[in-house]
Amino acid sequence: THKERSLSLSRVNNQPTNQPKTMSSLRNAVKRITHKERSQPQSRAHMGILEKKKDYKQRAVDFHRKQDRLNQIREKAAMRNPDEFYFKMKNSQIENGQHRKLERVQQKEREDKIGVEAVRIMKDQDLSYVRMQKQKDAKKLEKLQSSLHHLESENTKRKHTVFVDSEKDAAEFDVADYFDTVPELAGRTFNRPRKETLIKAAMEGMIENEDGEYETSERQIAKEIKQKQKHAKRLAKARAAAYAEMEARAKRVSTMERAEAHLVNQKLLSGKGRKRKIKAAENGQPAQYKWRRKRAK
């Protein structure tokens, strides 16, 4: 019957075949052709590695992404409403081509984030630190000024007042005798040795000649000249470094004073009371305010 015939055909199809199967390990053992990438020609070796399709694809995607971004910006600028306004326009300003929030806006955000009391404590700590640094620099500056001799110009000469008993002594006053030095060094304000020191230094290196007199040898003279030159260079270098440090300290003190004034002004502004600005900030100094008088209870 038709049913028995279909059953016999299905049994024949299900019988196993005797054909051999190809194993995957044998297929991998067969040597294959190695496909090598094309290298850069020798004449174009100075241009670097030859660009492949994956490199071109990456560069093309980046280029089109930038072009799409520029087109979006151009479209946005073309469709801009000249009467558009939002409050961030008043709370920011352009610095070096970038929009930055104003200082008062940043201060308000900090207060909202960490609290008003925390901001006040931080400013008090900053004020204490600035005052401490200013006092340290001021003391160091005062110490430098007291230890250094200020070398002014020829038009402004330093004065040294000497008190005598009578007008006769004032008329007969001799600067060299008073300071116990030679007349050539009497006009100096520093490095003014006494006669005893000069005599002691002159006796070093003396030799006795045939007449029994003492004279300085040429070798000793050359040695003294060389020592004096070295000493003068060393003193000039040390003096220049000290004056440079003194100027830097003075500049730092003035900077700290301005910072202290700004911090004090901010501390007062954060307090209560109605106030009115009477002078704008100028020359690095903070603005001046006048508070409304309030009757004390």
Protein backbone atom coordinates (compact mmCIF):
# COMPACT_ATOMS: atom_id res chain seq x y z
CA THR A 1 0.00 0.00 0.00
CA HIS A 2 0.98 3.61 -0.17
CA LYS A 3 1.56 3.70 3.59
CA GLU A 4 3.93 0.70 3.56
CA ARG A 5 5.87 2.14 0.57
CA SER A 6 6.52 5.49 2.32
CA LEU A 7 7.66 3.65 5.49
CA SER A 8 10.21 1.58 3.52
CA LEU A 9 11.62 4.70 1.84
CA SER A 10 12.11 6.39 5.18
CA ARG A 11 14.04 3.34 6.49
CA VAL A 12 16.33 3.42 3.42
CA ASN A 13 17.08 7.13 3.93
CA ASN A 14 17.96 6.57 7.59
CA GLN A 15 20.59 3.90 6.85
CA PRO A 16 24.23 5.02 7.55
CA THR A 17 26.58 5.61 4.60
CA ASN A 18 30.10 4.17 4.26
CA GLN A 19 31.70 7.42 2.82
CA PRO A 20 34.74 8.71 4.85
CA LYS A 21 34.40 12.04 6.78
CA THR A 22 37.04 14.84 6.49
CA MET A 23 38.44 15.75 9.94
CA SER A 24 38.92 19.41 10.84
CA SER A 25 42.47 18.76 12.15
CA LEU A 26 43.55 17.43 8.75
CA ARG A 27 42.05 20.41 7.01
CA ASN A 28 44.06 22.76 9.23
CA ALA A 29 47.26 20.76 8.65
CA VAL A 30 47.24 21.54 4.93
CA LYS A 31 49.50 24.48 4.07
CA ARG A 32 47.59 27.55 2.91
CA ILE A 33 48.57 30.63 0.97
CA THR A 34 49.81 33.48 3.20
CA HIS A 35 48.16 36.74 2.19
CA LYS A 36 50.62 39.54 2.91
CA GLU A 37 49.75 43.22 3.14
CA ARG A 38 51.22 45.48 0.55
CA SER A 39 54.05 47.60 1.96
CA GLN A 40 54.94 51.17 1.14
CA PRO A 41 57.01 51.48 -2.08
CA GLN A 42 60.63 52.43 -1.66
CA SER A 43 60.10 55.75 -3.44
CA ARG A 44 57.39 56.71 -0.92
CA ALA A 45 59.14 55.38 2.20
CA HIS A 46 59.59 58.94 3.53
CA MET A 47 55.77 59.23 3.84
CA GLY A 48 55.58 56.54 6.50
CA ILE A 49 53.54 53.34 6.64
CA LEU A 50 51.15 52.71 3.75
CA GLU A 51 47.58 53.58 4.73
CA LYS A 52 45.19 50.60 4.68
CA LYS A 53 41.44 50.62 4.30
CA LYS A 54 40.81 50.40 8.05
CA ASP A 55 43.01 53.47 8.55
CA TYR A 56 41.21 55.37 5.80
CA LYS A 57 37.86 54.33 7.25
CA GLN A 58 38.77 55.63 10.70
CA ARG A 59 40.03 58.92 9.26
CA ALA A 60 36.97 59.33 7.05
CA VAL A 61 34.55 58.72 9.94
CA ASP A 62 36.36 61.30 12.07
CA PHE A 63 36.35 63.84 9.24
CA HIS A 64 32.63 63.42 8.54
CA ARG A 65 31.81 63.62 12.25
CA LYS A 66 33.60 66.96 12.46
CA GLN A 67 31.89 68.21 9.30
CA ASP A 68 28.49 67.25 10.68
CA ARG A 69 29.26 69.09 13.91
CA LEU A 70 30.29 72.22 12.00
CA ASN A 71 27.13 72.07 9.91
CA GLN A 72 25.02 71.81 13.06
CA ILE A 73 26.76 74.85 14.56
CA ARG A 74 26.29 76.85 11.34
CA GLU A 75 22.62 75.92 11.22
CA LYS A 76 22.16 76.86 14.87
CA ALA A 77 23.88 80.22 14.30
CA ALA A 78 21.72 80.88 11.21
CA MET A 79 18.51 80.07 13.08
CA ARG A 80 19.49 82.09 16.19
CA ASN A 81 16.92 84.48 17.57
CA PRO A 82 18.49 87.94 18.13
CA ASP A 83 15.93 88.68 20.88
CA GLU A 84 16.75 85.51 22.80
CA PHE A 85 17.44 85.99 26.51
CA TYR A 86 18.05 83.75 29.49
CA PHE A 87 19.37 84.59 32.94
CA LYS A 88 22.71 82.84 32.48
CA MET A 89 23.66 85.69 30.16
CA LYS A 90 23.76 87.96 33.21
CA ASN A 91 25.54 85.42 35.40
CA SER A 92 28.53 84.75 33.12
CA GLN A 93 31.14 86.58 31.12
CA ILE A 94 33.60 85.76 28.34
CA GLU A 95 37.25 85.36 29.33
CA ASN A 96 39.79 84.29 26.70
CA GLY A 97 36.99 83.17 24.40
CA GLN A 98 35.29 80.99 27.05
CA HIS A 99 32.15 81.55 29.10
CA ARG A 100 32.88 81.65 32.82
CA LYS A 101 30.55 82.23 35.74
CA LEU A 102 30.85 85.43 37.73
CA GLU A 103 32.51 85.36 41.15
CA ARG A 104 29.25 86.12 42.97
CA VAL A 105 27.53 83.24 41.17
CA GLN A 106 30.32 80.82 42.10
CA GLN A 107 30.16 82.07 45.69
CA LYS A 108 26.39 81.49 45.77
CA GLU A 109 26.82 77.95 44.42
CA ARG A 110 29.47 77.16 47.06
CA GLU A 111 27.21 78.45 49.80
CA ASP A 112 24.31 76.37 48.54
CA LYS A 113 26.53 73.30 48.30
CA ILE A 114 28.43 73.34 51.61
CA GLY A 115 26.47 75.89 53.61
CA VAL A 116 26.94 79.53 54.58
CA GLU A 117 28.58 78.76 57.94
CA ALA A 118 31.17 76.47 56.35
CA VAL A 119 32.08 79.15 53.79
CA ARG A 120 32.43 81.75 56.59
CA ILE A 121 34.74 79.45 58.57
CA MET A 122 36.89 78.79 55.49
CA LYS A 123 37.22 82.51 54.81
CA ASP A 124 38.16 83.17 58.43
CA GLN A 125 40.90 80.54 58.13
CA ASP A 126 42.11 82.09 54.87
CA LEU A 127 42.17 85.52 56.53
CA SER A 128 44.17 84.18 59.50
CA TYR A 129 46.68 82.51 57.16
CA VAL A 130 47.10 85.67 55.06
CA ARG A 131 47.66 87.79 58.16
CA MET A 132 50.23 85.33 59.52
CA GLN A 133 52.16 85.28 56.23
CA LYS A 134 52.04 89.08 56.02
CA GLN A 135 53.48 89.43 59.53
CA LYS A 136 56.26 86.92 58.76
CA ASP A 137 57.22 88.71 55.56
CA ALA A 138 57.04 92.12 57.26
CA LYS A 139 59.41 90.99 60.03
CA LYS A 140 61.80 89.47 57.50
CA LEU A 141 61.69 92.68 55.45
CA GLU A 142 62.39 94.80 58.52
CA LYS A 143 65.33 92.57 59.42
CA LEU A 144 66.76 92.84 55.90
CA GLN A 145 66.36 96.61 55.87
CA SER A 146 68.16 96.97 59.20
CA SER A 147 71.06 94.74 58.14
CA LEU A 148 71.61 96.19 54.67
CA HIS A 149 73.21 99.49 53.77
CA HIS A 150 71.04 101.26 51.24
CA LEU A 151 73.19 102.46 48.39
CA GLU A 152 71.41 105.50 47.01
CA SER A 153 72.29 107.66 44.07
CA GLU A 154 74.89 110.41 44.18
CA ASN A 155 72.26 113.12 44.50
CA THR A 156 70.86 111.72 47.76
CA LYS A 157 73.64 111.22 50.29
CA ARG A 158 73.26 109.59 53.68
CA LYS A 159 73.82 111.63 56.83
CA HIS A 160 75.67 110.70 59.99
CA THR A 161 75.05 113.16 62.81
CA VAL A 162 77.79 113.53 65.45
CA PHE A 163 77.13 115.56 68.60
CA VAL A 164 79.98 117.61 70.11
CA ASP A 165 80.27 119.73 73.26
CA SER A 166 80.95 123.17 71.78
CA GLU A 167 81.01 125.16 68.56
CA LYS A 168 84.83 125.15 68.69
CA ASP A 169 84.83 121.35 68.62
CA ALA A 170 82.38 121.43 65.71
CA ALA A 171 84.63 123.81 63.74
CA GLU A 172 87.73 121.68 64.41
CA PHE A 173 85.93 118.38 63.87
CA ASP A 174 87.88 115.88 61.76
CA VAL A 175 85.97 112.92 60.30
CA ALA A 176 89.06 110.72 59.84
CA ASP A 177 90.21 111.22 63.45
CA TYR A 178 86.75 110.63 64.84
CA PHE A 179 86.27 107.31 63.00
CA ASP A 180 89.99 106.39 63.45
CA THR A 181 90.57 105.82 59.74
CA VAL A 182 92.45 107.39 56.84
CA PRO A 183 91.01 110.45 55.03
CA GLU A 184 90.55 108.44 51.83
CA LEU A 185 88.00 106.15 53.56
CA ALA A 186 86.25 108.80 55.65
CA GLY A 187 83.47 109.35 53.09
CA ARG A 188 82.39 105.71 53.04
CA THR A 189 79.17 104.54 54.65
CA PHE A 190 80.33 100.92 54.85
CA ASN A 191 83.60 98.93 54.79
CA ARG A 192 85.47 101.65 56.66
CA PRO A 193 88.31 99.88 58.52
CA ARG A 194 90.26 101.51 61.35
CA LYS A 195 93.95 102.51 61.16
CA GLU A 196 95.02 99.59 63.31
CA THR A 197 93.36 97.14 60.92
CA LEU A 198 94.98 98.83 57.93
CA ILE A 199 98.45 98.75 59.52
CA LYS A 200 98.11 95.10 60.48
CA ALA A 201 97.01 94.20 56.95
CA ALA A 202 99.85 96.25 55.43
CA MET A 203 102.54 94.58 57.56
CA GLU A 204 101.61 91.16 56.20
CA GLY A 205 103.88 90.26 53.29
CA MET A 206 106.43 93.01 54.00
CA ILE A 207 110.14 92.30 53.28
CA GLU A 208 113.20 94.19 54.54
CA ASN A 209 115.47 95.78 51.88
CA GLU A 210 119.19 96.61 52.03
CA ASP A 211 118.60 99.97 53.78
CA GLY A 212 116.66 98.27 56.59
CA GLU A 213 113.29 99.56 55.40
CA TYR A 214 110.21 97.41 54.84
CA GLU A 215 108.55 97.20 51.46
CA THR A 216 105.92 94.97 49.90
CA SER A 217 107.02 92.35 47.40
CA GLU A 218 105.51 92.30 43.90
CA ARG A 219 104.12 88.84 44.49
CA GLN A 220 102.36 90.01 47.64
CA ILE A 221 100.97 93.06 45.83
CA ALA A 222 99.55 90.89 43.05
CA LYS A 223 98.09 88.50 45.60
CA GLU A 224 96.42 91.35 47.53
CA ILE A 225 94.97 92.81 44.35
CA LYS A 226 93.53 89.44 43.37
CA GLN A 227 92.07 88.89 46.85
CA LYS A 228 90.52 92.36 46.86
CA GLN A 229 88.92 91.73 43.48
CA LYS A 230 87.49 88.40 44.64
CA HIS A 231 86.23 89.95 47.85
CA ALA A 232 84.63 92.85 45.99
CA LYS A 233 82.87 90.48 43.57
CA ARG A 234 81.64 88.32 46.44
CA LEU A 235 80.33 91.34 48.33
CA ALA A 236 78.61 92.75 45.23
CA LYS A 237 76.93 89.41 44.51
CA ALA A 238 75.76 88.99 48.09
CA ARG A 239 74.51 92.59 48.23
CA ALA A 240 72.59 92.22 44.96
CA ALA A 241 70.96 88.98 46.15
CA ALA A 242 70.00 90.58 49.45
CA TYR A 243 68.44 93.60 47.75
CA ALA A 244 66.56 91.35 45.33
CA GLU A 245 65.16 89.37 48.25
CA MET A 246 64.20 92.58 50.02
CA GLU A 247 62.30 93.84 46.96
CA ALA A 248 60.53 90.49 46.60
CA ARG A 249 59.55 90.54 50.28
CA ALA A 250 58.22 94.09 49.98
CA LYS A 251 56.16 93.12 46.92
CA ARG A 252 54.81 90.05 48.73
CA VAL A 253 53.83 92.16 51.75
CA SER A 254 51.86 94.56 49.53
CA THR A 255 50.17 91.59 47.82
CA MET A 256 49.22 90.08 51.17
CA GLU A 257 47.81 93.43 52.30
CA ARG A 258 45.57 93.59 49.24
CA ALA A 259 44.46 89.98 49.77
CA GLU A 260 43.69 90.76 53.41
CA ALA A 261 41.66 93.81 52.40
CA HIS A 262 39.61 91.72 49.93
CA LEU A 263 38.96 88.98 52.51
CA VAL A 264 37.92 91.51 55.16
CA ASN A 265 35.62 93.18 52.64
CA GLN A 266 34.02 89.85 51.73
CA LYS A 267 33.54 89.01 55.39
CA LEU A 268 31.79 92.32 56.02
CA LEU A 269 29.62 91.96 52.93
CA SER A 270 28.45 88.52 54.04
CA GLY A 271 27.09 90.03 57.26
CA LYS A 272 23.73 91.63 57.85
CA GLY A 273 22.71 95.22 57.26
CA ARG A 274 21.79 97.42 54.33
CA LYS A 275 24.76 98.83 52.48
CA ARG A 276 25.53 101.08 49.53
CA LYS A 277 28.60 101.14 47.31
CA ILE A 278 30.34 104.50 47.42
CA LYS A 279 33.51 103.66 45.46
CA ALA A 280 34.28 100.98 42.89
CA ALA A 281 37.27 98.68 43.08
CA GLU A 282 40.45 100.14 41.56
CA ASN A 283 44.22 99.53 41.60
CA GLY A 284 43.77 96.11 43.17
CA GLN A 285 41.88 97.50 46.17
CA PRO A 286 38.36 96.27 46.99
CA ALA A 287 35.25 98.37 46.56
CA GLN A 288 34.14 100.62 49.43
CA TYR A 289 30.68 100.34 50.99
CA LYS A 290 28.74 102.39 53.46
CA TRP A 291 26.34 100.66 55.83
CA ARG A 292 23.10 102.14 57.00
CA ARG A 293 23.12 103.21 60.61
CA LYS A 294 21.15 100.96 62.87
CA ARG A 295 20.14 101.84 66.36
CA ALA A 296 21.52 99.45 68.94
CA LYS A 297 18.97 97.93 71.31
